[in-house]
PDB file of N, CA and C in Angstrom:
ATOM      1  N   MET A   1     -15.453   1.671   5.117  1.00  0.00           N
ATOM      2  CA  MET A   1     -15.505   1.342   3.714  1.00  0.00           C
ATOM      3  C   MET A   1     -15.444   2.643   2.916  1.00  0.00           C
ATOM      4  N   THR A   2     -14.651   2.634   1.842  1.00  0.00           N
ATOM      5  CA  THR A   2     -14.551   3.807   0.996  1.00  0.00           C
ATOM      6  C   THR A   2     -15.496   3.673  -0.184  1.00  0.00           C
ATOM      7  N   ARG A   3     -15.888   4.802  -0.718  1.00  0.00           N
ATOM      8  CA  ARG A   3     -16.803   4.818  -1.859  1.00  0.00           C
ATOM      9  C   ARG A   3     -16.020   4.789  -3.159  1.00  0.00           C
ATOM     10  N   ALA A   4     -16.610   4.232  -4.175  1.00  0.00           N
ATOM     11  CA  ALA A   4     -15.983   4.178  -5.491  1.00  0.00           C
ATOM     12  C   ALA A   4     -15.978   5.571  -6.114  1.00  0.00           C
ATOM     13  N   SER A   5     -14.900   5.875  -6.797  1.00  0.00           N
ATOM     14  CA  SER A   5     -14.822   7.123  -7.552  1.00  0.00           C
ATOM     15  C   SER A   5     -13.864   6.919  -8.714  1.00  0.00           C
ATOM     16  N   LEU A   6     -13.987   7.771  -9.710  1.00  0.00           N
ATOM     17  CA  LEU A   6     -13.158   7.631 -10.907  1.00  0.00           C
ATOM     18  C   LEU A   6     -11.718   8.064 -10.696  1.00  0.00           C
ATOM     19  N   ASP A   7     -11.430   8.719  -9.589  1.00  0.00           N
ATOM     20  CA  ASP A   7     -10.063   9.176  -9.353  1.00  0.00           C
ATOM     21  C   ASP A   7      -9.250   8.220  -8.465  1.00  0.00           C
ATOM     22  N   LYS A   8      -9.764   7.037  -8.207  1.00  0.00           N
ATOM     23  CA  LYS A   8      -9.007   6.056  -7.429  1.00  0.00           C
ATOM     24  C   LYS A   8      -7.817   5.540  -8.226  1.00  0.00           C
ATOM     25  N   GLN A   9      -6.765   5.265  -7.512  1.00  0.00           N
ATOM     26  CA  GLN A   9      -5.566   4.698  -8.107  1.00  0.00           C
ATOM     27  C   GLN A   9      -5.733   3.180  -8.223  1.00  0.00           C
ATOM     28  N   PRO A  10      -5.072   2.549  -9.202  1.00  0.00           N
ATOM     29  CA  PRO A  10      -5.210   1.094  -9.361  1.00  0.00           C
ATOM     30  C   PRO A  10      -4.930   0.301  -8.090  1.00  0.00           C
ATOM     31  N   HIS A  11      -3.936   0.698  -7.315  1.00  0.00           N
ATOM     32  CA  HIS A  11      -3.636  -0.044  -6.085  1.00  0.00           C
ATOM     33  C   HIS A  11      -4.770   0.077  -5.064  1.00  0.00           C
ATOM     34  N   GLU A  12      -5.508   1.184  -5.091  1.00  0.00           N
ATOM     35  CA  GLU A  12      -6.651   1.342  -4.189  1.00  0.00           C
ATOM     36  C   GLU A  12      -7.796   0.422  -4.617  1.00  0.00           C
ATOM     37  N   VAL A  13      -8.008   0.318  -5.916  1.00  0.00           N
ATOM     38  CA  VAL A  13      -9.060  -0.567  -6.428  1.00  0.00           C
ATOM     39  C   VAL A  13      -8.702  -2.021  -6.122  1.00  0.00           C
ATOM     40  N   ALA A  14      -7.452  -2.392  -6.373  1.00  0.00           N
ATOM     41  CA  ALA A  14      -7.007  -3.761  -6.080  1.00  0.00           C
ATOM     42  C   ALA A  14      -7.190  -4.066  -4.602  1.00  0.00           C
ATOM     43  N   SER A  15      -6.851  -3.123  -3.750  1.00  0.00           N
ATOM     44  CA  SER A  15      -6.993  -3.313  -2.304  1.00  0.00           C
ATOM     45  C   SER A  15      -8.452  -3.523  -1.921  1.00  0.00           C
ATOM     46  N   MET A  16      -9.361  -2.783  -2.552  1.00  0.00           N
ATOM     47  CA  MET A  16     -10.783  -2.949  -2.287  1.00  0.00           C
ATOM     48  C   MET A  16     -11.224  -4.381  -2.642  1.00  0.00           C
ATOM     49  N   PHE A  17     -10.793  -4.871  -3.804  1.00  0.00           N
ATOM     50  CA  PHE A  17     -11.151  -6.234  -4.197  1.00  0.00           C
ATOM     51  C   PHE A  17     -10.466  -7.273  -3.315  1.00  0.00           C
ATOM     52  N   ASP A  18      -9.236  -6.993  -2.868  1.00  0.00           N
ATOM     53  CA  ASP A  18      -8.559  -7.898  -1.934  1.00  0.00           C
ATOM     54  C   ASP A  18      -9.426  -8.120  -0.695  1.00  0.00           C
ATOM     55  N   GLY A  19     -10.034  -7.045  -0.225  1.00  0.00           N
ATOM     56  CA  GLY A  19     -10.827  -7.107   1.003  1.00  0.00           C
ATOM     57  C   GLY A  19     -12.131  -7.866   0.884  1.00  0.00           C
ATOM     58  N   VAL A  20     -12.665  -8.013  -0.298  1.00  0.00           N
ATOM     59  CA  VAL A  20     -13.958  -8.693  -0.466  1.00  0.00           C
ATOM     60  C   VAL A  20     -13.820 -10.048  -1.164  1.00  0.00           C
ATOM     61  N   ALA A  21     -12.590 -10.464  -1.437  1.00  0.00           N
ATOM     62  CA  ALA A  21     -12.343 -11.655  -2.257  1.00  0.00           C
ATOM     63  C   ALA A  21     -13.042 -12.913  -1.744  1.00  0.00           C
ATOM     64  N   ALA A  22     -13.001 -13.147  -0.447  1.00  0.00           N
ATOM     65  CA  ALA A  22     -13.547 -14.393   0.100  1.00  0.00           C
ATOM     66  C   ALA A  22     -15.042 -14.544  -0.177  1.00  0.00           C
ATOM     67  N   ASN A  23     -15.772 -13.437  -0.200  1.00  0.00           N
ATOM     68  CA  ASN A  23     -17.223 -13.494  -0.390  1.00  0.00           C
ATOM     69  C   ASN A  23     -17.682 -12.927  -1.723  1.00  0.00           C
ATOM     70  N   TYR A  24     -16.752 -12.608  -2.598  1.00  0.00           N
ATOM     71  CA  TYR A  24     -17.094 -11.922  -3.845  1.00  0.00           C
ATOM     72  C   TYR A  24     -18.072 -12.718  -4.707  1.00  0.00           C
ATOM     73  N   ASP A  25     -17.802 -13.978  -4.934  1.00  0.00           N
ATOM     74  CA  ASP A  25     -18.653 -14.769  -5.829  1.00  0.00           C
ATOM     75  C   ASP A  25     -20.055 -14.954  -5.258  1.00  0.00           C
ATOM     76  N   LEU A  26     -20.157 -15.185  -3.961  1.00  0.00           N
ATOM     77  CA  LEU A  26     -21.472 -15.314  -3.333  1.00  0.00           C
ATOM     78  C   LEU A  26     -22.243 -14.001  -3.454  1.00  0.00           C
ATOM     79  N   THR A  27     -21.578 -12.899  -3.159  1.00  0.00           N
ATOM     80  CA  THR A  27     -22.213 -11.590  -3.270  1.00  0.00           C
ATOM     81  C   THR A  27     -22.666 -11.329  -4.706  1.00  0.00           C
ATOM     82  N   ASN A  28     -21.827 -11.665  -5.655  1.00  0.00           N
ATOM     83  CA  ASN A  28     -22.157 -11.481  -7.066  1.00  0.00           C
ATOM     84  C   ASN A  28     -23.386 -12.309  -7.443  1.00  0.00           C
ATOM     85  N   ASP A  29     -23.446 -13.550  -6.976  1.00  0.00           N
ATOM     86  CA  ASP A  29     -24.602 -14.407  -7.255  1.00  0.00           C
ATOM     87  C   ASP A  29     -25.882 -13.821  -6.661  1.00  0.00           C
ATOM     88  N   VAL A  30     -25.787 -13.359  -5.419  1.00  0.00           N
ATOM     89  CA  VAL A  30     -26.969 -12.812  -4.744  1.00  0.00           C
ATOM     90  C   VAL A  30     -27.433 -11.527  -5.426  1.00  0.00           C
ATOM     91  N   LEU A  31     -26.504 -10.597  -5.659  1.00  0.00           N
ATOM     92  CA  LEU A  31     -26.875  -9.308  -6.247  1.00  0.00           C
ATOM     93  C   LEU A  31     -27.391  -9.428  -7.679  1.00  0.00           C
ATOM     94  N   SER A  32     -26.921 -10.435  -8.404  1.00  0.00           N
ATOM     95  CA  SER A  32     -27.388 -10.621  -9.785  1.00  0.00           C
ATOM     96  C   SER A  32     -28.560 -11.600  -9.867  1.00  0.00           C
ATOM     97  N   LEU A  33     -29.024 -12.059  -8.718  1.00  0.00           N
ATOM     98  CA  LEU A  33     -30.111 -13.040  -8.653  1.00  0.00           C
ATOM     99  C   LEU A  33     -29.777 -14.295  -9.465  1.00  0.00           C
ATOM    100  N   GLY A  34     -28.513 -14.681  -9.420  1.00  0.00           N
ATOM    101  CA  GLY A  34     -28.065 -15.889 -10.111  1.00  0.00           C
ATOM    102  C   GLY A  34     -27.732 -15.692 -11.577  1.00  0.00           C
ATOM    103  N   GLN A  35     -27.982 -14.502 -12.104  1.00  0.00           N
ATOM    104  CA  GLN A  35     -27.744 -14.254 -13.520  1.00  0.00           C
ATOM    105  C   GLN A  35     -26.260 -14.287 -13.887  1.00  0.00           C
ATOM    106  N   ALA A  36     -25.383 -13.982 -12.947  1.00  0.00           N
ATOM    107  CA  ALA A  36     -23.937 -13.952 -13.238  1.00  0.00           C
ATOM    108  C   ALA A  36     -23.463 -15.309 -13.754  1.00  0.00           C
ATOM    109  N   ARG A  37     -24.006 -16.376 -13.207  1.00  0.00           N
ATOM    110  CA  ARG A  37     -23.628 -17.719 -13.677  1.00  0.00           C
ATOM    111  C   ARG A  37     -24.031 -17.914 -15.139  1.00  0.00           C
ATOM    112  N   LEU A  38     -25.222 -17.466 -15.470  1.00  0.00           N
ATOM    113  CA  LEU A  38     -25.695 -17.578 -16.852  1.00  0.00           C
ATOM    114  C   LEU A  38     -24.865 -16.712 -17.790  1.00  0.00           C
ATOM    115  N   TRP A  39     -24.501 -15.505 -17.350  1.00  0.00           N
ATOM    116  CA  TRP A  39     -23.698 -14.616 -18.192  1.00  0.00           C
ATOM    117  C   TRP A  39     -22.345 -15.240 -18.496  1.00  0.00           C
ATOM    118  N   ARG A  40     -21.731 -15.873 -17.495  1.00  0.00           N
ATOM    119  CA  ARG A  40     -20.426 -16.512 -17.722  1.00  0.00           C
ATOM    120  C   ARG A  40     -20.547 -17.627 -18.765  1.00  0.00           C
ATOM    121  N   LYS A  41     -21.596 -18.416 -18.669  1.00  0.00           N
ATOM    122  CA  LYS A  41     -21.792 -19.492 -19.642  1.00  0.00           C
ATOM    123  C   LYS A  41     -22.050 -18.934 -21.035  1.00  0.00           C
ATOM    124  N   GLU A  42     -22.816 -17.860 -21.139  1.00  0.00           N
ATOM    125  CA  GLU A  42     -23.111 -17.254 -22.431  1.00  0.00           C
ATOM    126  C   GLU A  42     -21.852 -16.648 -23.059  1.00  0.00           C
ATOM    127  N   VAL A  43     -21.004 -16.050 -22.241  1.00  0.00           N
ATOM    128  CA  VAL A  43     -19.745 -15.502 -22.767  1.00  0.00           C
ATOM    129  C   VAL A  43     -18.887 -16.636 -23.319  1.00  0.00           C
ATOM    130  N   ALA A  44     -18.787 -17.717 -22.565  1.00  0.00           N
ATOM    131  CA  ALA A  44     -17.999 -18.860 -23.034  1.00  0.00           C
ATOM    132  C   ALA A  44     -18.574 -19.417 -24.333  1.00  0.00           C
ATOM    133  N   LYS A  45     -19.900 -19.462 -24.429  1.00  0.00           N
ATOM    134  CA  LYS A  45     -20.537 -19.952 -25.653  1.00  0.00           C
ATOM    135  C   LYS A  45     -20.235 -19.015 -26.827  1.00  0.00           C
ATOM    136  N   ALA A  46     -20.285 -17.710 -26.595  1.00  0.00           N
ATOM    137  CA  ALA A  46     -20.021 -16.728 -27.654  1.00  0.00           C
ATOM    138  C   ALA A  46     -18.573 -16.784 -28.124  1.00  0.00           C
ATOM    139  N   VAL A  47     -17.649 -16.993 -27.196  1.00  0.00           N
ATOM    140  CA  VAL A  47     -16.230 -17.085 -27.553  1.00  0.00           C
ATOM    141  C   VAL A  47     -15.958 -18.383 -28.314  1.00  0.00           C
ATOM    142  N   ALA A  48     -16.676 -19.433 -27.945  1.00  0.00           N
ATOM    143  CA  ALA A  48     -16.583 -20.731 -28.611  1.00  0.00           C
ATOM    144  C   ALA A  48     -15.148 -21.275 -28.643  1.00  0.00           C
ATOM    145  N   ALA A  49     -14.465 -21.186 -27.509  1.00  0.00           N
ATOM    146  CA  ALA A  49     -13.108 -21.728 -27.425  1.00  0.00           C
ATOM    147  C   ALA A  49     -13.154 -23.243 -27.590  1.00  0.00           C
ATOM    148  N   ARG A  50     -12.136 -23.753 -28.259  1.00  0.00           N
ATOM    149  CA  ARG A  50     -12.058 -25.190 -28.508  1.00  0.00           C
ATOM    150  C   ARG A  50     -10.889 -25.791 -27.742  1.00  0.00           C
ATOM    151  N   PRO A  51     -10.881 -27.103 -27.592  1.00  0.00           N
ATOM    152  CA  PRO A  51      -9.788 -27.754 -26.876  1.00  0.00           C
ATOM    153  C   PRO A  51      -8.430 -27.336 -27.432  1.00  0.00           C
ATOM    154  N   GLY A  52      -7.542 -26.997 -26.517  1.00  0.00           N
ATOM    155  CA  GLY A  52      -6.187 -26.626 -26.886  1.00  0.00           C
ATOM    156  C   GLY A  52      -5.987 -25.151 -27.188  1.00  0.00           C
ATOM    157  N   GLN A  53      -7.069 -24.415 -27.395  1.00  0.00           N
ATOM    158  CA  GLN A  53      -6.924 -22.983 -27.645  1.00  0.00           C
ATOM    159  C   GLN A  53      -6.565 -22.263 -26.347  1.00  0.00           C
ATOM    160  N   LEU A  54      -5.909 -21.122 -26.474  1.00  0.00           N
ATOM    161  CA  LEU A  54      -5.499 -20.322 -25.329  1.00  0.00           C
ATOM    162  C   LEU A  54      -6.495 -19.194 -25.119  1.00  0.00           C
ATOM    163  N   VAL A  55      -6.984 -19.061 -23.892  1.00  0.00           N
ATOM    164  CA  VAL A  55      -7.898 -17.987 -23.526  1.00  0.00           C
ATOM    165  C   VAL A  55      -7.267 -17.209 -22.383  1.00  0.00           C
ATOM    166  N   LEU A  56      -7.090 -15.911 -22.563  1.00  0.00           N
ATOM    167  CA  LEU A  56      -6.610 -15.026 -21.510  1.00  0.00           C
ATOM    168  C   LEU A  56      -7.833 -14.346 -20.913  1.00  0.00           C
ATOM    169  N   ASP A  57      -8.135 -14.668 -19.677  1.00  0.00           N
ATOM    170  CA  ASP A  57      -9.309 -14.132 -18.991  1.00  0.00           C
ATOM    171  C   ASP A  57      -8.867 -12.944 -18.138  1.00  0.00           C
ATOM    172  N   LEU A  58      -9.022 -11.738 -18.694  1.00  0.00           N
ATOM    173  CA  LEU A  58      -8.607 -10.529 -17.988  1.00  0.00           C
ATOM    174  C   LEU A  58      -9.653 -10.112 -16.963  1.00  0.00           C
ATOM    175  N   ALA A  59      -9.194  -9.589 -15.836  1.00  0.00           N
ATOM    176  CA  ALA A  59     -10.069  -9.204 -14.721  1.00  0.00           C
ATOM    177  C   ALA A  59     -10.861 -10.418 -14.248  1.00  0.00           C
ATOM    178  N   ALA A  60     -10.186 -11.548 -14.152  1.00  0.00           N
ATOM    179  CA  ALA A  60     -10.823 -12.818 -13.818  1.00  0.00           C
ATOM    180  C   ALA A  60     -11.203 -12.960 -12.353  1.00  0.00           C
ATOM    181  N   GLY A  61     -10.680 -12.103 -11.495  1.00  0.00           N
ATOM    182  CA  GLY A  61     -11.016 -12.190 -10.076  1.00  0.00           C
ATOM    183  C   GLY A  61     -10.623 -13.534  -9.492  1.00  0.00           C
ATOM    184  N   THR A  62     -11.603 -14.260  -8.978  1.00  0.00           N
ATOM    185  CA  THR A  62     -11.353 -15.564  -8.360  1.00  0.00           C
ATOM    186  C   THR A  62     -11.326 -16.696  -9.382  1.00  0.00           C
ATOM    187  N   ALA A  63     -11.371 -16.356 -10.641  1.00  0.00           N
ATOM    188  CA  ALA A  63     -11.313 -17.297 -11.773  1.00  0.00           C
ATOM    189  C   ALA A  63     -12.619 -18.045 -12.002  1.00  0.00           C
ATOM    190  N   THR A  64     -13.687 -17.622 -11.364  1.00  0.00           N
ATOM    191  CA  THR A  64     -14.988 -18.242 -11.621  1.00  0.00           C
ATOM    192  C   THR A  64     -15.371 -18.071 -13.083  1.00  0.00           C
ATOM    193  N   SER A  65     -15.013 -16.938 -13.659  1.00  0.00           N
ATOM    194  CA  SER A  65     -15.313 -16.685 -15.070  1.00  0.00           C
ATOM    195  C   SER A  65     -14.483 -17.558 -15.998  1.00  0.00           C
ATOM    196  N   SER A  66     -13.390 -18.111 -15.495  1.00  0.00           N
ATOM    197  CA  SER A  66     -12.495 -18.940 -16.308  1.00  0.00           C
ATOM    198  C   SER A  66     -12.984 -20.381 -16.441  1.00  0.00           C
ATOM    199  N   LEU A  67     -13.779 -20.821 -15.487  1.00  0.00           N
ATOM    200  CA  LEU A  67     -14.178 -22.229 -15.453  1.00  0.00           C
ATOM    201  C   LEU A  67     -14.958 -22.687 -16.681  1.00  0.00           C
ATOM    202  N   PRO A  68     -15.907 -21.882 -17.214  1.00  0.00           N
ATOM    203  CA  PRO A  68     -16.589 -22.339 -18.433  1.00  0.00           C
ATOM    204  C   PRO A  68     -15.637 -22.524 -19.618  1.00  0.00           C
ATOM    205  N   PHE A  69     -14.584 -21.709 -19.700  1.00  0.00           N
ATOM    206  CA  PHE A  69     -13.605 -21.872 -20.774  1.00  0.00           C
ATOM    207  C   PHE A  69     -12.813 -23.164 -20.571  1.00  0.00           C
ATOM    208  N   ALA A  70     -12.412 -23.413 -19.339  1.00  0.00           N
ATOM    209  CA  ALA A  70     -11.664 -24.630 -19.032  1.00  0.00           C
ATOM    210  C   ALA A  70     -12.505 -25.868 -19.334  1.00  0.00           C
ATOM    211  N   ALA A  71     -13.810 -25.760 -19.111  1.00  0.00           N
ATOM    212  CA  ALA A  71     -14.711 -26.892 -19.370  1.00  0.00           C
ATOM    213  C   ALA A  71     -14.754 -27.262 -20.850  1.00  0.00           C
ATOM    214  N   THR A  72     -14.409 -26.332 -21.731  1.00  0.00           N
ATOM    215  CA  THR A  72     -14.398 -26.630 -23.165  1.00  0.00           C
ATOM    216  C   THR A  72     -13.109 -27.337 -23.586  1.00  0.00           C
ATOM    217  N   GLY A  73     -12.145 -27.400 -22.669  1.00  0.00           N
ATOM    218  CA  GLY A  73     -10.854 -27.993 -23.000  1.00  0.00           C
ATOM    219  C   GLY A  73      -9.824 -26.962 -23.415  1.00  0.00           C
ATOM    220  N   ALA A  74     -10.215 -25.686 -23.392  1.00  0.00           N
ATOM    221  CA  ALA A  74      -9.274 -24.613 -23.710  1.00  0.00           C
ATOM    222  C   ALA A  74      -8.294 -24.459 -22.551  1.00  0.00           C
ATOM    223  N   TYR A  75      -7.104 -23.951 -22.860  1.00  0.00           N
ATOM    224  CA  TYR A  75      -6.119 -23.617 -21.834  1.00  0.00           C
ATOM    225  C   TYR A  75      -6.392 -22.175 -21.440  1.00  0.00           C
ATOM    226  N   VAL A  76      -6.919 -21.976 -20.246  1.00  0.00           N
ATOM    227  CA  VAL A  76      -7.316 -20.635 -19.815  1.00  0.00           C
ATOM    228  C   VAL A  76      -6.340 -20.110 -18.773  1.00  0.00           C
ATOM    229  N   VAL A  77      -5.969 -18.839 -18.938  1.00  0.00           N
ATOM    230  CA  VAL A  77      -5.076 -18.164 -17.991  1.00  0.00           C
ATOM    231  C   VAL A  77      -5.863 -17.026 -17.347  1.00  0.00           C
ATOM    232  N   PRO A  78      -6.325 -17.219 -16.105  1.00  0.00           N
ATOM    233  CA  PRO A  78      -7.016 -16.156 -15.396  1.00  0.00           C
ATOM    234  C   PRO A  78      -6.005 -15.102 -14.930  1.00  0.00           C
ATOM    235  N   CYS A  79      -6.310 -13.848 -15.194  1.00  0.00           N
ATOM    236  CA  CYS A  79      -5.395 -12.752 -14.861  1.00  0.00           C
ATOM    237  C   CYS A  79      -6.167 -11.655 -14.126  1.00  0.00           C
ATOM    238  N   ASP A  80      -5.586 -11.133 -13.055  1.00  0.00           N
ATOM    239  CA  ASP A  80      -6.219 -10.050 -12.318  1.00  0.00           C
ATOM    240  C   ASP A  80      -5.147  -9.246 -11.604  1.00  0.00           C
ATOM    241  N   PHE A  81      -5.463  -8.005 -11.232  1.00  0.00           N
ATOM    242  CA  PHE A  81      -4.495  -7.199 -10.503  1.00  0.00           C
ATOM    243  C   PHE A  81      -4.740  -7.217  -9.007  1.00  0.00           C
ATOM    244  N   SER A  82      -5.766  -7.925  -8.555  1.00  0.00           N
ATOM    245  CA  SER A  82      -6.031  -8.091  -7.133  1.00  0.00           C
ATOM    246  C   SER A  82      -5.442  -9.418  -6.669  1.00  0.00           C
ATOM    247  N   LEU A  83      -4.390  -9.330  -5.879  1.00  0.00           N
ATOM    248  CA  LEU A  83      -3.763 -10.558  -5.371  1.00  0.00           C
ATOM    249  C   LEU A  83      -4.694 -11.315  -4.431  1.00  0.00           C
ATOM    250  N   GLY A  84      -5.558 -10.599  -3.733  1.00  0.00           N
ATOM    251  CA  GLY A  84      -6.527 -11.257  -2.861  1.00  0.00           C
ATOM    252  C   GLY A  84      -7.506 -12.112  -3.644  1.00  0.00           C
ATOM    253  N   MET A  85      -7.974 -11.593  -4.769  1.00  0.00           N
ATOM    254  CA  MET A  85      -8.896 -12.359  -5.614  1.00  0.00           C
ATOM    255  C   MET A  85      -8.184 -13.577  -6.196  1.00  0.00           C
ATOM    256  N   LEU A  86      -6.960 -13.381  -6.655  1.00  0.00           N
ATOM    257  CA  LEU A  86      -6.193 -14.499  -7.218  1.00  0.00           C
ATOM    258  C   LEU A  86      -5.914 -15.563  -6.161  1.00  0.00           C
ATOM    259  N   SER A  87      -5.596 -15.143  -4.954  1.00  0.00           N
ATOM    260  CA  SER A  87      -5.335 -16.104  -3.875  1.00  0.00           C
ATOM    261  C   SER A  87      -6.572 -16.938  -3.572  1.00  0.00           C
ATOM    262  N   GLU A  88      -7.718 -16.273  -3.550  1.00  0.00           N
ATOM    263  CA  GLU A  88      -8.976 -16.992  -3.312  1.00  0.00           C
ATOM    264  C   GLU A  88      -9.242 -17.966  -4.458  1.00  0.00           C
ATOM    265  N   GLY A  89      -9.014 -17.537  -5.676  1.00  0.00           N
ATOM    266  CA  GLY A  89      -9.186 -18.412  -6.829  1.00  0.00           C
ATOM    267  C   GLY A  89      -8.246 -19.599  -6.797  1.00  0.00           C
ATOM    268  N   LYS A  90      -7.016 -19.384  -6.351  1.00  0.00           N
ATOM    269  CA  LYS A  90      -6.033 -20.468  -6.270  1.00  0.00           C
ATOM    270  C   LYS A  90      -6.441 -21.494  -5.222  1.00  0.00           C
ATOM    271  N   LYS A  91      -7.054 -21.033  -4.118  1.00  0.00           N
ATOM    272  CA  LYS A  91      -7.541 -21.962  -3.092  1.00  0.00           C
ATOM    273  C   LYS A  91      -8.621 -22.870  -3.659  1.00  0.00           C
ATOM    274  N   ARG A  92      -9.493 -22.294  -4.468  1.00  0.00           N
ATOM    275  CA  ARG A  92     -10.624 -23.037  -5.013  1.00  0.00           C
ATOM    276  C   ARG A  92     -10.258 -23.901  -6.220  1.00  0.00           C
ATOM    277  N   ASN A  93      -9.316 -23.413  -7.022  1.00  0.00           N
ATOM    278  CA  ASN A  93      -8.940 -24.100  -8.271  1.00  0.00           C
ATOM    279  C   ASN A  93      -7.427 -24.096  -8.421  1.00  0.00           C
ATOM    280  N   PRO A  94      -6.747 -24.901  -7.612  1.00  0.00           N
ATOM    281  CA  PRO A  94      -5.273 -24.857  -7.603  1.00  0.00           C
ATOM    282  C   PRO A  94      -4.633 -25.249  -8.932  1.00  0.00           C
ATOM    283  N   TRP A  95      -5.358 -25.887  -9.808  1.00  0.00           N
ATOM    284  CA  TRP A  95      -4.826 -26.334 -11.092  1.00  0.00           C
ATOM    285  C   TRP A  95      -4.776 -25.215 -12.132  1.00  0.00           C
ATOM    286  N   LEU A  96      -5.484 -24.102 -11.887  1.00  0.00           N
ATOM    287  CA  LEU A  96      -5.474 -22.998 -12.848  1.00  0.00           C
ATOM    288  C   LEU A  96      -4.215 -22.136 -12.686  1.00  0.00           C
ATOM    289  N   PRO A  97      -3.635 -21.661 -13.781  1.00  0.00           N
ATOM    290  CA  PRO A  97      -2.421 -20.845 -13.728  1.00  0.00           C
ATOM    291  C   PRO A  97      -2.746 -19.364 -13.504  1.00  0.00           C
ATOM    292  N   LEU A  98      -3.281 -19.031 -12.333  1.00  0.00           N
ATOM    293  CA  LEU A  98      -3.662 -17.644 -12.059  1.00  0.00           C
ATOM    294  C   LEU A  98      -2.449 -16.737 -12.132  1.00  0.00           C
ATOM    295  N   THR A  99      -2.625 -15.566 -12.755  1.00  0.00           N
ATOM    296  CA  THR A  99      -1.518 -14.673 -13.047  1.00  0.00           C
ATOM    297  C   THR A  99      -1.858 -13.238 -12.654  1.00  0.00           C
ATOM    298  N   ALA A 100      -0.914 -12.588 -11.987  1.00  0.00           N
ATOM    299  CA  ALA A 100      -1.105 -11.171 -11.604  1.00  0.00           C
ATOM    300  C   ALA A 100      -0.525 -10.279 -12.686  1.00  0.00           C
TER     301      ALA A 100
END
């Protein structure tokens, strides 16, 4: 495993996320003690997207962050530069238009 540093190239960062995609959301839940779920809901509440509005979710990873927006009826486009994260998100939510 390589350590994070500010001089990493984008493809190296994407590759790192590709490698952890399958367990990313579980790890995030554990490390945040469940707070990540609450933060996603609070962000969606703050944005206050309405049905039919377009939401571009940048750095969406597996699109878990996109689900609260979709629940409001907004059209959400999850976007990420990690193809591994997007692939995992597509497996879980095939109806979302995940975009690289």
